[in-house]
Amino acid sequence: MSGGTTELTWFKSSYSGSEGDSCVEIAVAEQAVHIRDSKDVSRPAFSVERGQWSRFVGFVAEA
């Protein structure tokens, strides 16, 4: 599920350090959350359904 990611608003987590290394950026759209490597934004992003993203974030928060 990719494509159409150029008009999205990308952001990093507030937990990201100021160095900017090893980070991902996300962009939230109506049907999906898009994820890309912040160090190489020319590479294709990938996306997941919003429900899948919520489950992932919940899992990480518990870890």
N, C-alpha and C. Protein backbone atom coordinates (compact mmCIF):
# COMPACT_ATOMS: atom_id res chain seq x y z
N MET A 1 0.84 -1.16 0.00
CA MET A 1 0.00 0.00 0.00
C MET A 1 0.90 1.23 0.00
N SER A 2 1.23 1.78 -1.11
CA SER A 2 2.04 3.00 -1.18
C SER A 2 1.57 3.84 -2.34
N GLY A 3 2.24 4.97 -2.52
CA GLY A 3 1.85 5.88 -3.58
C GLY A 3 1.06 7.03 -3.03
N GLY A 4 1.13 8.17 -3.69
CA GLY A 4 0.40 9.33 -3.26
C GLY A 4 0.91 9.93 -1.96
N THR A 5 2.17 9.70 -1.65
CA THR A 5 2.69 10.16 -0.36
C THR A 5 3.31 11.55 -0.45
N THR A 6 3.37 12.17 -1.61
CA THR A 6 4.04 13.46 -1.73
C THR A 6 3.23 14.60 -1.10
N GLU A 7 1.90 14.49 -1.06
CA GLU A 7 1.08 15.55 -0.51
C GLU A 7 0.84 15.39 0.99
N LEU A 8 1.45 14.43 1.61
CA LEU A 8 1.27 14.18 3.04
C LEU A 8 2.14 15.09 3.89
N THR A 9 1.73 15.30 5.12
CA THR A 9 2.52 16.06 6.08
C THR A 9 3.27 15.07 6.96
N TRP A 10 4.59 15.08 6.85
CA TRP A 10 5.43 14.12 7.56
C TRP A 10 5.94 14.72 8.87
N PHE A 11 6.07 13.87 9.89
CA PHE A 11 6.63 14.33 11.16
C PHE A 11 7.33 13.19 11.88
N LYS A 12 8.26 13.58 12.76
CA LYS A 12 8.97 12.62 13.61
C LYS A 12 8.35 12.66 14.99
N SER A 13 8.58 11.62 15.74
CA SER A 13 8.11 11.57 17.12
C SER A 13 8.77 12.65 17.96
N SER A 14 8.06 13.12 18.95
CA SER A 14 8.64 14.09 19.89
C SER A 14 9.74 13.44 20.72
N TYR A 15 9.81 12.11 20.70
CA TYR A 15 10.86 11.38 21.41
C TYR A 15 12.15 11.28 20.60
N SER A 16 12.13 11.70 19.35
CA SER A 16 13.33 11.66 18.51
C SER A 16 14.37 12.63 19.04
N GLY A 17 15.60 12.21 18.98
CA GLY A 17 16.69 13.09 19.44
C GLY A 17 16.97 14.20 18.46
N SER A 18 17.75 15.16 18.87
CA SER A 18 18.06 16.30 18.01
C SER A 18 19.07 15.95 16.93
N GLU A 19 19.76 14.81 17.05
CA GLU A 19 20.74 14.42 16.04
C GLU A 19 20.07 14.01 14.73
N GLY A 20 18.83 13.52 14.80
CA GLY A 20 18.10 13.16 13.59
C GLY A 20 18.50 11.85 12.96
N ASP A 21 19.28 11.03 13.66
CA ASP A 21 19.68 9.75 13.08
C ASP A 21 18.75 8.64 13.57
N SER A 22 18.66 7.60 12.80
CA SER A 22 17.88 6.41 13.14
C SER A 22 16.43 6.72 13.46
N CYS A 23 15.82 7.59 12.70
CA CYS A 23 14.43 7.96 12.94
C CYS A 23 13.57 7.57 11.74
N VAL A 24 12.32 7.40 12.03
CA VAL A 24 11.34 7.26 10.97
C VAL A 24 10.40 8.45 11.07
N GLU A 25 9.77 8.75 9.96
CA GLU A 25 8.76 9.80 9.91
C GLU A 25 7.44 9.13 9.56
N ILE A 26 6.35 9.68 10.07
CA ILE A 26 5.05 9.17 9.70
C ILE A 26 4.18 10.31 9.19
N ALA A 27 3.20 9.92 8.42
CA ALA A 27 2.18 10.84 7.92
C ALA A 27 0.85 10.11 8.06
N VAL A 28 -0.08 10.74 8.71
CA VAL A 28 -1.38 10.11 8.95
C VAL A 28 -2.37 10.59 7.90
N ALA A 29 -2.98 9.64 7.23
CA ALA A 29 -4.01 9.94 6.23
C ALA A 29 -5.33 9.32 6.71
N GLU A 30 -6.37 9.54 5.97
CA GLU A 30 -7.69 9.06 6.37
C GLU A 30 -7.73 7.54 6.55
N GLN A 31 -7.16 6.81 5.63
CA GLN A 31 -7.24 5.35 5.67
C GLN A 31 -5.97 4.65 6.12
N ALA A 32 -4.84 5.35 6.19
CA ALA A 32 -3.58 4.68 6.46
C ALA A 32 -2.59 5.60 7.16
N VAL A 33 -1.58 4.97 7.74
CA VAL A 33 -0.43 5.68 8.29
C VAL A 33 0.75 5.32 7.40
N HIS A 34 1.43 6.32 6.89
CA HIS A 34 2.57 6.13 6.00
C HIS A 34 3.85 6.29 6.80
N ILE A 35 4.83 5.45 6.52
CA ILE A 35 6.09 5.44 7.27
C ILE A 35 7.24 5.52 6.27
N ARG A 36 8.27 6.34 6.61
CA ARG A 36 9.45 6.42 5.75
C ARG A 36 10.69 6.66 6.61
N ASP A 37 11.84 6.40 6.02
CA ASP A 37 13.14 6.61 6.66
C ASP A 37 13.48 8.10 6.59
N SER A 38 13.68 8.72 7.75
CA SER A 38 13.94 10.16 7.76
C SER A 38 15.30 10.52 7.17
N LYS A 39 16.21 9.56 7.12
CA LYS A 39 17.55 9.84 6.56
C LYS A 39 17.58 9.76 5.05
N ASP A 40 16.59 9.09 4.44
CA ASP A 40 16.57 8.93 2.99
C ASP A 40 15.12 8.98 2.50
N VAL A 41 14.58 10.18 2.43
CA VAL A 41 13.18 10.33 2.06
C VAL A 41 12.92 10.06 0.58
N SER A 42 13.99 9.84 -0.20
CA SER A 42 13.80 9.51 -1.61
C SER A 42 13.38 8.04 -1.78
N ARG A 43 13.62 7.23 -0.75
CA ARG A 43 13.20 5.83 -0.82
C ARG A 43 11.69 5.75 -0.65
N PRO A 44 11.08 4.73 -1.22
CA PRO A 44 9.63 4.61 -1.12
C PRO A 44 9.17 4.44 0.33
N ALA A 45 8.08 5.09 0.66
CA ALA A 45 7.44 4.91 1.96
C ALA A 45 6.59 3.64 1.89
N PHE A 46 6.21 3.14 3.05
CA PHE A 46 5.21 2.08 3.08
C PHE A 46 4.09 2.52 4.00
N SER A 47 2.98 1.86 3.91
CA SER A 47 1.85 2.28 4.72
C SER A 47 1.13 1.07 5.31
N VAL A 48 0.43 1.33 6.41
CA VAL A 48 -0.37 0.32 7.08
C VAL A 48 -1.72 0.94 7.40
N GLU A 49 -2.71 0.10 7.57
CA GLU A 49 -4.02 0.59 7.96
C GLU A 49 -3.93 1.22 9.35
N ARG A 50 -4.77 2.19 9.61
CA ARG A 50 -4.71 2.90 10.89
C ARG A 50 -4.89 1.97 12.08
N GLY A 51 -5.76 0.98 11.96
CA GLY A 51 -5.96 0.02 13.05
C GLY A 51 -4.71 -0.78 13.34
N GLN A 52 -3.98 -1.18 12.29
CA GLN A 52 -2.73 -1.90 12.48
C GLN A 52 -1.70 -1.01 13.17
N TRP A 53 -1.63 0.26 12.80
CA TRP A 53 -0.70 1.19 13.43
C TRP A 53 -1.03 1.34 14.91
N SER A 54 -2.31 1.47 15.23
CA SER A 54 -2.72 1.60 16.64
C SER A 54 -2.31 0.38 17.45
N ARG A 55 -2.48 -0.81 16.89
CA ARG A 55 -2.06 -2.03 17.59
C ARG A 55 -0.55 -2.05 17.79
N PHE A 56 0.20 -1.65 16.78
CA PHE A 56 1.66 -1.61 16.88
C PHE A 56 2.09 -0.63 17.97
N VAL A 57 1.54 0.57 17.96
CA VAL A 57 1.91 1.58 18.97
C VAL A 57 1.54 1.08 20.38
N GLY A 58 0.38 0.45 20.50
CA GLY A 58 -0.01 -0.09 21.80
C GLY A 58 0.95 -1.17 22.29
N PHE A 59 1.39 -2.03 21.37
CA PHE A 59 2.34 -3.08 21.72
C PHE A 59 3.66 -2.48 22.18
N VAL A 60 4.17 -1.50 21.46
CA VAL A 60 5.43 -0.86 21.79
C VAL A 60 5.33 -0.14 23.13
N ALA A 61 4.22 0.49 23.39
CA ALA A 61 4.03 1.21 24.65
C ALA A 61 4.08 0.28 25.85
N GLU A 62 3.65 -0.96 25.67
CA GLU A 62 3.66 -1.94 26.76
C GLU A 62 5.03 -2.53 26.99
N ALA A 63 5.89 -2.46 25.99
CA ALA A 63 7.23 -3.09 26.09
C ALA A 63 8.17 -2.34 27.00
